[in-house]
PDB file of N, CA and C in Angstrom:
ATOM      1  N   MET A   1     128.780  66.364 197.941  1.00  0.00           N
ATOM      2  CA  MET A   1     127.787  67.305 197.485  1.00  0.00           C
ATOM      3  C   MET A   1     128.343  68.218 196.390  1.00  0.00           C
ATOM      4  N   LEU A   2     129.559  68.640 196.554  1.00  0.00           N
ATOM      5  CA  LEU A   2     130.209  69.521 195.584  1.00  0.00           C
ATOM      6  C   LEU A   2     130.400  68.783 194.255  1.00  0.00           C
ATOM      7  N   LYS A   3     130.684  67.494 194.331  1.00  0.00           N
ATOM      8  CA  LYS A   3     130.861  66.703 193.115  1.00  0.00           C
ATOM      9  C   LYS A   3     129.550  66.608 192.334  1.00  0.00           C
ATOM     10  N   LYS A   4     128.445  66.490 193.052  1.00  0.00           N
ATOM     11  CA  LYS A   4     127.150  66.416 192.387  1.00  0.00           C
ATOM     12  C   LYS A   4     126.812  67.743 191.705  1.00  0.00           C
ATOM     13  N   ILE A   5     127.132  68.847 192.328  1.00  0.00           N
ATOM     14  CA  ILE A   5     126.854  70.166 191.737  1.00  0.00           C
ATOM     15  C   ILE A   5     127.733  70.358 190.490  1.00  0.00           C
ATOM     16  N   ILE A   6     129.009  69.994 190.585  1.00  0.00           N
ATOM     17  CA  ILE A   6     129.919  70.125 189.440  1.00  0.00           C
ATOM     18  C   ILE A   6     129.464  69.209 188.310  1.00  0.00           C
ATOM     19  N   LEU A   7     129.045  67.990 188.645  1.00  0.00           N
ATOM     20  CA  LEU A   7     128.544  67.058 187.628  1.00  0.00           C
ATOM     21  C   LEU A   7     127.283  67.598 186.956  1.00  0.00           C
ATOM     22  N   ALA A   8     126.375  68.194 187.731  1.00  0.00           N
ATOM     23  CA  ALA A   8     125.153  68.780 187.173  1.00  0.00           C
ATOM     24  C   ALA A   8     125.481  69.950 186.266  1.00  0.00           C
ATOM     25  N   ILE A   9     126.426  70.781 186.657  1.00  0.00           N
ATOM     26  CA  ILE A   9     126.829  71.929 185.828  1.00  0.00           C
ATOM     27  C   ILE A   9     127.455  71.433 184.533  1.00  0.00           C
ATOM     28  N   ILE A  10     128.312  70.398 184.623  1.00  0.00           N
ATOM     29  CA  ILE A  10     128.945  69.842 183.412  1.00  0.00           C
ATOM     30  C   ILE A  10     127.875  69.259 182.482  1.00  0.00           C
ATOM     31  N   ILE A  11     126.905  68.552 183.041  1.00  0.00           N
ATOM     32  CA  ILE A  11     125.828  67.976 182.222  1.00  0.00           C
ATOM     33  C   ILE A  11     125.017  69.082 181.558  1.00  0.00           C
ATOM     34  N   ILE A  12     124.698  70.143 182.306  1.00  0.00           N
ATOM     35  CA  ILE A  12     123.931  71.263 181.734  1.00  0.00           C
ATOM     36  C   ILE A  12     124.735  71.922 180.614  1.00  0.00           C
ATOM     37  N   VAL A  13     126.035  72.137 180.813  1.00  0.00           N
ATOM     38  CA  VAL A  13     126.870  72.766 179.776  1.00  0.00           C
ATOM     39  C   VAL A  13     126.942  71.875 178.534  1.00  0.00           C
ATOM     40  N   VAL A  14     127.108  70.567 178.729  1.00  0.00           N
ATOM     41  CA  VAL A  14     127.167  69.632 177.596  1.00  0.00           C
ATOM     42  C   VAL A  14     125.839  69.640 176.843  1.00  0.00           C
ATOM     43  N   LEU A  15     124.727  69.647 177.576  1.00  0.00           N
ATOM     44  CA  LEU A  15     123.415  69.688 176.913  1.00  0.00           C
ATOM     45  C   LEU A  15     123.226  70.990 176.140  1.00  0.00           C
ATOM     46  N   LEU A  16     123.660  72.117 176.695  1.00  0.00           N
ATOM     47  CA  LEU A  16     123.541  73.396 175.982  1.00  0.00           C
ATOM     48  C   LEU A  16     124.404  73.392 174.713  1.00  0.00           C
ATOM     49  N   VAL A  17     125.620  72.867 174.828  1.00  0.00           N
ATOM     50  CA  VAL A  17     126.498  72.801 173.651  1.00  0.00           C
ATOM     51  C   VAL A  17     125.890  71.879 172.599  1.00  0.00           C
ATOM     52  N   PHE A  18     125.360  70.739 173.029  1.00  0.00           N
ATOM     53  CA  PHE A  18     124.736  69.790 172.108  1.00  0.00           C
ATOM     54  C   PHE A  18     123.509  70.403 171.434  1.00  0.00           C
ATOM     55  N   TYR A  19     122.676  71.127 172.215  1.00  0.00           N
ATOM     56  CA  TYR A  19     121.491  71.785 171.653  1.00  0.00           C
ATOM     57  C   TYR A  19     121.885  72.830 170.613  1.00  0.00           C
ATOM     58  N   ASN A  20     122.878  73.651 170.941  1.00  0.00           N
ATOM     59  CA  ASN A  20     123.326  74.670 169.984  1.00  0.00           C
ATOM     60  C   ASN A  20     123.924  74.039 168.730  1.00  0.00           C
ATOM     61  N   LEU A  21     124.629  72.941 168.898  1.00  0.00           N
ATOM     62  CA  LEU A  21     125.198  72.248 167.748  1.00  0.00           C
ATOM     63  C   LEU A  21     124.104  71.705 166.834  1.00  0.00           C
ATOM     64  N   LEU A  22     123.087  71.090 167.417  1.00  0.00           N
ATOM     65  CA  LEU A  22     121.965  70.593 166.608  1.00  0.00           C
ATOM     66  C   LEU A  22     121.235  71.720 165.895  1.00  0.00           C
ATOM     67  N   ARG A  23     121.049  72.840 166.579  1.00  0.00           N
ATOM     68  CA  ARG A  23     120.372  73.983 165.960  1.00  0.00           C
ATOM     69  C   ARG A  23     121.177  74.520 164.773  1.00  0.00           C
ATOM     70  N   GLN A  24     122.495  74.595 164.929  1.00  0.00           N
ATOM     71  CA  GLN A  24     123.332  75.075 163.835  1.00  0.00           C
ATOM     72  C   GLN A  24     123.336  74.103 162.662  1.00  0.00           C
ATOM     73  N   ILE A  25     123.333  72.808 162.949  1.00  0.00           N
ATOM     74  CA  ILE A  25     123.268  71.805 161.874  1.00  0.00           C
ATOM     75  C   ILE A  25     121.949  71.935 161.127  1.00  0.00           C
ATOM     76  N   ASN A  26     120.858  72.125 161.852  1.00  0.00           N
ATOM     77  CA  ASN A  26     119.543  72.285 161.229  1.00  0.00           C
ATOM     78  C   ASN A  26     119.503  73.529 160.339  1.00  0.00           C
ATOM     79  N   GLU A  27     120.064  74.631 160.826  1.00  0.00           N
ATOM     80  CA  GLU A  27     120.098  75.858 160.019  1.00  0.00           C
ATOM     81  C   GLU A  27     120.980  75.678 158.786  1.00  0.00           C
ATOM     82  N   ALA A  28     122.068  74.935 158.900  1.00  0.00           N
ATOM     83  CA  ALA A  28     122.942  74.682 157.755  1.00  0.00           C
ATOM     84  C   ALA A  28     122.220  73.853 156.697  1.00  0.00           C
ATOM     85  N   VAL A  29     121.445  72.870 157.145  1.00  0.00           N
ATOM     86  CA  VAL A  29     120.679  72.046 156.196  1.00  0.00           C
ATOM     87  C   VAL A  29     119.642  72.896 155.484  1.00  0.00           C
ATOM     88  N   LYS A  30     118.938  73.749 156.227  1.00  0.00           N
ATOM     89  CA  LYS A  30     117.941  74.628 155.610  1.00  0.00           C
ATOM     90  C   LYS A  30     118.597  75.597 154.637  1.00  0.00           C
ATOM     91  N   SER A  31     119.761  76.101 154.992  1.00  0.00           N
ATOM     92  CA  SER A  31     120.476  77.006 154.086  1.00  0.00           C
ATOM     93  C   SER A  31     120.872  76.283 152.806  1.00  0.00           C
ATOM     94  N   GLY A  32     121.295  75.032 152.935  1.00  0.00           N
ATOM     95  CA  GLY A  32     121.639  74.248 151.749  1.00  0.00           C
ATOM     96  C   GLY A  32     120.441  74.026 150.855  1.00  0.00           C
ATOM     97  N   GLU A  33     119.276  73.782 151.455  1.00  0.00           N
ATOM     98  CA  GLU A  33     118.052  73.601 150.661  1.00  0.00           C
ATOM     99  C   GLU A  33     117.674  74.889 149.948  1.00  0.00           C
ATOM    100  N   ARG A  34     117.785  76.023 150.654  1.00  0.00           N
ATOM    101  CA  ARG A  34     117.481  77.310 150.012  1.00  0.00           C
ATOM    102  C   ARG A  34     118.455  77.592 148.880  1.00  0.00           C
ATOM    103  N   LEU A  35     119.720  77.263 149.081  1.00  0.00           N
ATOM    104  CA  LEU A  35     120.732  77.469 148.049  1.00  0.00           C
ATOM    105  C   LEU A  35     120.445  76.592 146.837  1.00  0.00           C
ATOM    106  N   SER A  36     120.043  75.357 147.075  1.00  0.00           N
ATOM    107  CA  SER A  36     119.711  74.445 145.976  1.00  0.00           C
ATOM    108  C   SER A  36     118.507  74.946 145.204  1.00  0.00           C
ATOM    109  N   ALA A  37     117.483  75.426 145.916  1.00  0.00           N
ATOM    110  CA  ALA A  37     116.292  75.961 145.244  1.00  0.00           C
ATOM    111  C   ALA A  37     116.653  77.200 144.434  1.00  0.00           C
ATOM    112  N   ALA A  38     117.504  78.056 144.991  1.00  0.00           N
ATOM    113  CA  ALA A  38     117.919  79.260 144.264  1.00  0.00           C
ATOM    114  C   ALA A  38     118.728  78.883 143.029  1.00  0.00           C
ATOM    115  N   ALA A  39     119.589  77.863 143.145  1.00  0.00           N
ATOM    116  CA  ALA A  39     120.381  77.432 141.989  1.00  0.00           C
ATOM    117  C   ALA A  39     119.475  76.875 140.894  1.00  0.00           C
ATOM    118  N   ASP A  40     118.438  76.130 141.278  1.00  0.00           N
ATOM    119  CA  ASP A  40     117.484  75.619 140.290  1.00  0.00           C
ATOM    120  C   ASP A  40     116.761  76.759 139.591  1.00  0.00           C
ATOM    121  N   THR A  41     116.370  77.765 140.363  1.00  0.00           N
ATOM    122  CA  THR A  41     115.689  78.921 139.779  1.00  0.00           C
ATOM    123  C   THR A  41     116.608  79.648 138.805  1.00  0.00           C
ATOM    124  N   VAL A  42     117.860  79.821 139.203  1.00  0.00           N
ATOM    125  CA  VAL A  42     118.828  80.483 138.318  1.00  0.00           C
ATOM    126  C   VAL A  42     119.005  79.683 137.035  1.00  0.00           C
ATOM    127  N   TYR A  43     119.093  78.360 137.143  1.00  0.00           N
ATOM    128  CA  TYR A  43     119.261  77.521 135.955  1.00  0.00           C
ATOM    129  C   TYR A  43     118.072  77.663 135.015  1.00  0.00           C
ATOM    130  N   ARG A  44     116.845  77.620 135.585  1.00  0.00           N
ATOM    131  CA  ARG A  44     115.650  77.762 134.739  1.00  0.00           C
ATOM    132  C   ARG A  44     115.604  79.133 134.081  1.00  0.00           C
ATOM    133  N   LEU A  45     115.954  80.172 134.833  1.00  0.00           N
ATOM    134  CA  LEU A  45     115.930  81.516 134.263  1.00  0.00           C
ATOM    135  C   LEU A  45     116.999  81.692 133.189  1.00  0.00           C
ATOM    136  N   GLU A  46     118.163  81.078 133.380  1.00  0.00           N
ATOM    137  CA  GLU A  46     119.197  81.161 132.347  1.00  0.00           C
ATOM    138  C   GLU A  46     118.765  80.435 131.077  1.00  0.00           C
ATOM    139  N   ALA A  47     118.096  79.290 131.235  1.00  0.00           N
ATOM    140  CA  ALA A  47     117.596  78.561 130.064  1.00  0.00           C
ATOM    141  C   ALA A  47     116.544  79.392 129.335  1.00  0.00           C
ATOM    142  N   LYS A  48     115.651  80.020 130.103  1.00  0.00           N
ATOM    143  CA  LYS A  48     114.628  80.868 129.487  1.00  0.00           C
ATOM    144  C   LYS A  48     115.271  82.066 128.806  1.00  0.00           C
ATOM    145  N   ASN A  49     116.314  82.624 129.422  1.00  0.00           N
ATOM    146  CA  ASN A  49     117.020  83.756 128.833  1.00  0.00           C
ATOM    147  C   ASN A  49     117.670  83.360 127.512  1.00  0.00           C
ATOM    148  N   ARG A  50     118.289  82.164 127.471  1.00  0.00           N
ATOM    149  CA  ARG A  50     118.885  81.697 126.202  1.00  0.00           C
ATOM    150  C   ARG A  50     117.816  81.523 125.130  1.00  0.00           C
ATOM    151  N   GLU A  51     116.668  80.970 125.533  1.00  0.00           N
ATOM    152  CA  GLU A  51     115.570  80.775 124.584  1.00  0.00           C
ATOM    153  C   GLU A  51     115.059  82.108 124.050  1.00  0.00           C
ATOM    154  N   LEU A  52     114.912  83.084 124.942  1.00  0.00           N
ATOM    155  CA  LEU A  52     114.427  84.397 124.514  1.00  0.00           C
ATOM    156  C   LEU A  52     115.449  85.103 123.613  1.00  0.00           C
ATOM    157  N   LYS A  53     116.737  84.942 123.910  1.00  0.00           N
ATOM    158  CA  LYS A  53     117.758  85.544 123.049  1.00  0.00           C
ATOM    159  C   LYS A  53     117.732  84.917 121.661  1.00  0.00           C
ATOM    160  N   LYS A  54     117.530  83.591 121.618  1.00  0.00           N
ATOM    161  CA  LYS A  54     117.439  82.900 120.331  1.00  0.00           C
ATOM    162  C   LYS A  54     116.228  83.406 119.550  1.00  0.00           C
ATOM    163  N   LYS A  55     115.097  83.561 120.243  1.00  0.00           N
ATOM    164  CA  LYS A  55     113.890  84.058 119.586  1.00  0.00           C
ATOM    165  C   LYS A  55     114.089  85.494 119.109  1.00  0.00           C
ATOM    166  N   LEU A  56     114.808  86.303 119.896  1.00  0.00           N
ATOM    167  CA  LEU A  56     115.077  87.684 119.503  1.00  0.00           C
ATOM    168  C   LEU A  56     115.902  87.741 118.232  1.00  0.00           C
ATOM    169  N   THR A  57     116.916  86.877 118.129  1.00  0.00           N
ATOM    170  CA  THR A  57     117.720  86.887 116.904  1.00  0.00           C
ATOM    171  C   THR A  57     116.887  86.442 115.706  1.00  0.00           C
ATOM    172  N   GLN A  58     115.956  85.486 115.919  1.00  0.00           N
ATOM    173  CA  GLN A  58     115.079  85.066 114.825  1.00  0.00           C
ATOM    174  C   GLN A  58     114.152  86.201 114.421  1.00  0.00           C
ATOM    175  N   ILE A  59     113.611  86.902 115.396  1.00  0.00           N
ATOM    176  CA  ILE A  59     112.673  87.986 115.103  1.00  0.00           C
ATOM    177  C   ILE A  59     113.366  89.132 114.377  1.00  0.00           C
ATOM    178  N   GLN A  60     114.618  89.373 114.705  1.00  0.00           N
ATOM    179  CA  GLN A  60     115.337  90.474 114.079  1.00  0.00           C
ATOM    180  C   GLN A  60     115.897  90.128 112.704  1.00  0.00           C
ATOM    181  N   SER A  61     115.763  88.882 112.282  1.00  0.00           N
ATOM    182  CA  SER A  61     116.302  88.482 110.987  1.00  0.00           C
ATOM    183  C   SER A  61     115.445  89.059 109.861  1.00  0.00           C
ATOM    184  N   PRO A  62     116.058  89.357 108.720  1.00  0.00           N
ATOM    185  CA  PRO A  62     115.302  89.911 107.594  1.00  0.00           C
ATOM    186  C   PRO A  62     114.229  88.952 107.065  1.00  0.00           C
ATOM    187  N   GLN A  63     114.474  87.651 107.150  1.00  0.00           N
ATOM    188  CA  GLN A  63     113.488  86.683 106.665  1.00  0.00           C
ATOM    189  C   GLN A  63     112.208  86.751 107.503  1.00  0.00           C
ATOM    190  N   PHE A  64     112.370  86.863 108.824  1.00  0.00           N
ATOM    191  CA  PHE A  64     111.195  86.933 109.687  1.00  0.00           C
ATOM    192  C   PHE A  64     110.413  88.224 109.431  1.00  0.00           C
ATOM    193  N   ILE A  65     111.122  89.310 109.286  1.00  0.00           N
ATOM    194  CA  ILE A  65     110.460  90.598 109.035  1.00  0.00           C
ATOM    195  C   ILE A  65     109.703  90.546 107.715  1.00  0.00           C
ATOM    196  N   GLU A  66     110.324  89.965 106.687  1.00  0.00           N
ATOM    197  CA  GLU A  66     109.655  89.847 105.389  1.00  0.00           C
ATOM    198  C   GLU A  66     108.420  88.949 105.495  1.00  0.00           C
ATOM    199  N   GLU A  67     108.550  87.841 106.223  1.00  0.00           N
ATOM    200  CA  GLU A  67     107.415  86.924 106.388  1.00  0.00           C
ATOM    201  C   GLU A  67     106.249  87.605 107.099  1.00  0.00           C
ATOM    202  N   GLN A  68     106.542  88.363 108.129  1.00  0.00           N
ATOM    203  CA  GLN A  68     105.479  89.064 108.852  1.00  0.00           C
ATOM    204  C   GLN A  68     104.842  90.146 107.975  1.00  0.00           C
ATOM    205  N   ALA A  69     105.654  90.825 107.200  1.00  0.00           N
ATOM    206  CA  ALA A  69     105.115  91.854 106.304  1.00  0.00           C
ATOM    207  C   ALA A  69     104.204  91.234 105.254  1.00  0.00           C
ATOM    208  N   ARG A  70     104.556  90.066 104.775  1.00  0.00           N
ATOM    209  CA  ARG A  70     103.716  89.391 103.778  1.00  0.00           C
ATOM    210  C   ARG A  70     102.437  88.854 104.408  1.00  0.00           C
ATOM    211  N   ASN A  71     102.569  88.148 105.535  1.00  0.00           N
ATOM    212  CA  ASN A  71     101.418  87.463 106.116  1.00  0.00           C
ATOM    213  C   ASN A  71     100.449  88.398 106.834  1.00  0.00           C
ATOM    214  N   LYS A  72     100.972  89.324 107.611  1.00  0.00           N
ATOM    215  CA  LYS A  72     100.094  90.133 108.447  1.00  0.00           C
ATOM    216  C   LYS A  72      99.724  91.468 107.814  1.00  0.00           C
ATOM    217  N   LEU A  73     100.606  92.000 107.002  1.00  0.00           N
ATOM    218  CA  LEU A  73     100.330  93.307 106.404  1.00  0.00           C
ATOM    219  C   LEU A  73      99.903  93.218 104.948  1.00  0.00           C
ATOM    220  N   GLY A  74     100.042  92.046 104.346  1.00  0.00           N
ATOM    221  CA  GLY A  74      99.625  91.878 102.956  1.00  0.00           C
ATOM    222  C   GLY A  74     100.547  92.576 101.972  1.00  0.00           C
ATOM    223  N   LEU A  75     101.781  92.832 102.344  1.00  0.00           N
ATOM    224  CA  LEU A  75     102.720  93.501 101.447  1.00  0.00           C
ATOM    225  C   LEU A  75     103.341  92.482 100.503  1.00  0.00           C
ATOM    226  N   SER A  76     103.885  92.973  99.411  1.00  0.00           N
ATOM    227  CA  SER A  76     104.518  92.079  98.442  1.00  0.00           C
ATOM    228  C   SER A  76     105.771  92.750  97.899  1.00  0.00           C
ATOM    229  N   LYS A  77     106.586  91.933  97.239  1.00  0.00           N
ATOM    230  CA  LYS A  77     107.776  92.472  96.602  1.00  0.00           C
ATOM    231  C   LYS A  77     107.384  93.126  95.290  1.00  0.00           C
ATOM    232  N   LYS A  78     108.317  93.839  94.732  1.00  0.00           N
ATOM    233  CA  LYS A  78     108.076  94.497  93.457  1.00  0.00           C
ATOM    234  C   LYS A  78     107.799  93.439  92.395  1.00  0.00           C
ATOM    235  N   ASP A  79     106.827  93.700  91.545  1.00  0.00           N
ATOM    236  CA  ASP A  79     106.403  92.833  90.436  1.00  0.00           C
ATOM    237  C   ASP A  79     105.731  91.540  90.921  1.00  0.00           C
ATOM    238  N   GLU A  80     105.290  91.478  92.157  1.00  0.00           N
ATOM    239  CA  GLU A  80     104.510  90.349  92.634  1.00  0.00           C
ATOM    240  C   GLU A  80     103.046  90.742  92.683  1.00  0.00           C
ATOM    241  N   VAL A  81     102.187  89.756  92.528  1.00  0.00           N
ATOM    242  CA  VAL A  81     100.751  89.995  92.578  1.00  0.00           C
ATOM    243  C   VAL A  81     100.195  89.310  93.822  1.00  0.00           C
ATOM    244  N   VAL A  82      99.445  90.059  94.617  1.00  0.00           N
ATOM    245  CA  VAL A  82      98.834  89.503  95.812  1.00  0.00           C
ATOM    246  C   VAL A  82      97.416  89.070  95.456  1.00  0.00           C
ATOM    247  N   VAL A  83      97.101  87.818  95.733  1.00  0.00           N
ATOM    248  CA  VAL A  83      95.782  87.276  95.442  1.00  0.00           C
ATOM    249  C   VAL A  83      95.051  87.086  96.762  1.00  0.00           C
ATOM    250  N   ILE A  84      93.876  87.679  96.856  1.00  0.00           N
ATOM    251  CA  ILE A  84      93.065  87.551  98.063  1.00  0.00           C
ATOM    252  C   ILE A  84      91.802  86.798  97.688  1.00  0.00           C
ATOM    253  N   ILE A  85      91.598  85.652  98.348  1.00  0.00           N
ATOM    254  CA  ILE A  85      90.426  84.827  98.081  1.00  0.00           C
ATOM    255  C   ILE A  85      89.367  85.190  99.119  1.00  0.00           C
ATOM    256  N   PRO A  86      88.168  85.559  98.666  1.00  0.00           N
ATOM    257  CA  PRO A  86      87.108  85.891  99.620  1.00  0.00           C
ATOM    258  C   PRO A  86      86.760  84.694 100.504  1.00  0.00           C
ATOM    259  N   ASP A  87      86.339  84.979 101.706  1.00  0.00           N
ATOM    260  CA  ASP A  87      86.035  83.919 102.665  1.00  0.00           C
ATOM    261  C   ASP A  87      84.932  82.995 102.165  1.00  0.00           C
ATOM    262  N   ASN A  88      83.892  83.565 101.552  1.00  0.00           N
ATOM    263  CA  ASN A  88      82.780  82.715 101.109  1.00  0.00           C
ATOM    264  C   ASN A  88      83.228  81.752 100.015  1.00  0.00           C
ATOM    265  N   LYS A  89      84.101  82.186  99.116  1.00  0.00           N
ATOM    266  CA  LYS A  89      84.614  81.287  98.070  1.00  0.00           C
ATOM    267  C   LYS A  89      85.522  80.223  98.679  1.00  0.00           C
ATOM    268  N   LEU A  90      86.314  80.624  99.647  1.00  0.00           N
ATOM    269  CA  LEU A  90      87.205  79.675 100.295  1.00  0.00           C
ATOM    270  C   LEU A  90      86.408  78.604 101.026  1.00  0.00           C
ATOM    271  N   LYS A  91      85.379  79.003 101.723  1.00  0.00           N
ATOM    272  CA  LYS A  91      84.531  78.041 102.428  1.00  0.00           C
ATOM    273  C   LYS A  91      83.799  77.144 101.432  1.00  0.00           C
ATOM    274  N   GLU A  92      83.388  77.722 100.311  1.00  0.00           N
ATOM    275  CA  GLU A  92      82.686  76.946  99.286  1.00  0.00           C
ATOM    276  C   GLU A  92      83.596  75.865  98.713  1.00  0.00           C
ATOM    277  N   VAL A  93      84.836  76.229  98.424  1.00  0.00           N
ATOM    278  CA  VAL A  93      85.783  75.274  97.859  1.00  0.00           C
ATOM    279  C   VAL A  93      86.182  74.238  98.898  1.00  0.00           C
ATOM    280  N   MET A  94      86.443  74.659 100.096  1.00  0.00           N
ATOM    281  CA  MET A  94      86.860  73.725 101.153  1.00  0.00           C
ATOM    282  C   MET A  94      85.711  72.798 101.543  1.00  0.00           C
ATOM    283  N   GLY A  95      84.510  73.312 101.558  1.00  0.00           N
ATOM    284  CA  GLY A  95      83.362  72.487 101.915  1.00  0.00           C
ATOM    285  C   GLY A  95      83.057  71.456 100.850  1.00  0.00           C
ATOM    286  N   ALA A  96      83.319  71.768  99.568  1.00  0.00           N
ATOM    287  CA  ALA A  96      83.031  70.834  98.488  1.00  0.00           C
ATOM    288  C   ALA A  96      84.014  69.674  98.477  1.00  0.00           C
ATOM    289  N   SER A  97      85.223  69.874  98.978  1.00  0.00           N
ATOM    290  CA  SER A  97      86.213  68.809  98.912  1.00  0.00           C
ATOM    291  C   SER A  97      86.068  67.799 100.046  1.00  0.00           C
ATOM    292  N   VAL A  98      85.360  68.146 101.113  1.00  0.00           N
ATOM    293  CA  VAL A  98      85.219  67.237 102.248  1.00  0.00           C
ATOM    294  C   VAL A  98      83.762  66.818 102.356  1.00  0.00           C
ATOM    295  N   PRO A  99      83.423  65.576 101.947  1.00  0.00           N
ATOM    296  CA  PRO A  99      82.034  65.142 102.054  1.00  0.00           C
ATOM    297  C   PRO A  99      81.658  64.920 103.520  1.00  0.00           C
ATOM    298  N   ALA A 100      80.425  65.198 103.840  1.00  0.00           N
ATOM    299  CA  ALA A 100      79.938  65.001 105.205  1.00  0.00           C
ATOM    300  C   ALA A 100      79.722  63.523 105.447  1.00  0.00           C
ATOM    301  N   GLN A 101      80.214  63.035 106.555  1.00  0.00           N
ATOM    302  CA  GLN A 101      80.050  61.630 106.904  1.00  0.00           C
ATOM    303  C   GLN A 101      79.203  61.549 108.167  1.00  0.00           C
ATOM    304  N   ILE A 102      78.193  60.684 108.107  1.00  0.00           N
ATOM    305  CA  ILE A 102      77.331  60.480 109.262  1.00  0.00           C
ATOM    306  C   ILE A 102      77.728  59.167 109.892  1.00  0.00           C
ATOM    307  N   ARG A 103      78.092  59.205 111.139  1.00  0.00           N
ATOM    308  CA  ARG A 103      78.518  57.996 111.839  1.00  0.00           C
ATOM    309  C   ARG A 103      77.296  57.343 112.465  1.00  0.00           C
ATOM    310  N   LEU A 104      77.086  56.088 112.076  1.00  0.00           N
ATOM    311  CA  LEU A 104      75.971  55.302 112.604  1.00  0.00           C
ATOM    312  C   LEU A 104      76.365  54.695 113.938  1.00  0.00           C
ATOM    313  N   PRO A 105      75.384  54.379 114.766  1.00  0.00           N
ATOM    314  CA  PRO A 105      75.697  53.627 115.979  1.00  0.00           C
ATOM    315  C   PRO A 105      76.301  52.281 115.605  1.00  0.00           C
ATOM    316  N   ASN A 106      77.123  51.744 116.467  1.00  0.00           N
ATOM    317  CA  ASN A 106      77.861  50.517 116.182  1.00  0.00           C
ATOM    318  C   ASN A 106      76.926  49.353 115.832  1.00  0.00           C
ATOM    319  N   TRP A 107      75.859  49.201 116.585  1.00  0.00           N
ATOM    320  CA  TRP A 107      74.957  48.064 116.344  1.00  0.00           C
ATOM    321  C   TRP A 107      74.271  48.184 114.988  1.00  0.00           C
ATOM    322  N   LEU A 108      73.943  49.444 114.572  1.00  0.00           N
ATOM    323  CA  LEU A 108      73.279  49.645 113.295  1.00  0.00           C
ATOM    324  C   LEU A 108      74.246  49.391 112.131  1.00  0.00           C
ATOM    325  N   GLY A 109      75.508  49.749 112.320  1.00  0.00           N
ATOM    326  CA  GLY A 109      76.509  49.466 111.290  1.00  0.00           C
ATOM    327  C   GLY A 109      76.660  47.975 111.047  1.00  0.00           C
ATOM    328  N   TRP A 110      76.732  47.181 112.130  1.00  0.00           N
ATOM    329  CA  TRP A 110      76.835  45.729 111.986  1.00  0.00           C
ATOM    330  C   TRP A 110      75.548  45.148 111.375  1.00  0.00           C
ATOM    331  N   TRP A 111      74.400  45.697 111.749  1.00  0.00           N
ATOM    332  CA  TRP A 111      73.132  45.242 111.206  1.00  0.00           C
ATOM    333  C   TRP A 111      73.130  45.402 109.684  1.00  0.00           C
ATOM    334  N   LYS A 112      73.617  46.576 109.209  1.00  0.00           N
ATOM    335  CA  LYS A 112      73.647  46.825 107.774  1.00  0.00           C
ATOM    336  C   LYS A 112      74.649  45.934 107.059  1.00  0.00           C
ATOM    337  N   VAL A 113      75.734  45.575 107.732  1.00  0.00           N
ATOM    338  CA  VAL A 113      76.738  44.706 107.117  1.00  0.00           C
ATOM    339  C   VAL A 113      76.161  43.319 106.885  1.00  0.00           C
ATOM    340  N   PHE A 114      75.464  42.754 107.866  1.00  0.00           N
ATOM    341  CA  PHE A 114      75.004  41.378 107.771  1.00  0.00           C
ATOM    342  C   PHE A 114      73.625  41.222 107.141  1.00  0.00           C
ATOM    343  N   PHE A 115      72.750  42.205 107.245  1.00  0.00           N
ATOM    344  CA  PHE A 115      71.380  42.051 106.784  1.00  0.00           C
ATOM    345  C   PHE A 115      71.001  43.040 105.694  1.00  0.00           C
ATOM    346  N   ARG A 116      71.846  43.356 104.871  1.00  0.00           N
ATOM    347  CA  ARG A 116      71.542  44.296 103.807  1.00  0.00           C
ATOM    348  C   ARG A 116      71.228  43.585 102.530  1.00  0.00           C
TER     349      ARG A 116
END
């Protein structure tokens, strides 16, 4: 009888140790997944940071500042003439260069090819 009680206690202790071991392995796997996800996030943020730093250096360059001053503010260098074309003239010129094309249905196009 004593052997059966000792055997039952040993089995219970082994099962508890095995259960705790499995739980710790599961938590370690989850921690590894969280670490991997965090590393991916850090990598993406570092790439975005490099891109933003590159854009910042471009924006701070004198060429970019001059381009923005010319395009958005209409400024010019000394002895330059700024020409502003009115919208209606621009539309008139652009509209004259592109003829309007009417697309016929496919069957009507073939009809005109063969029976014209």
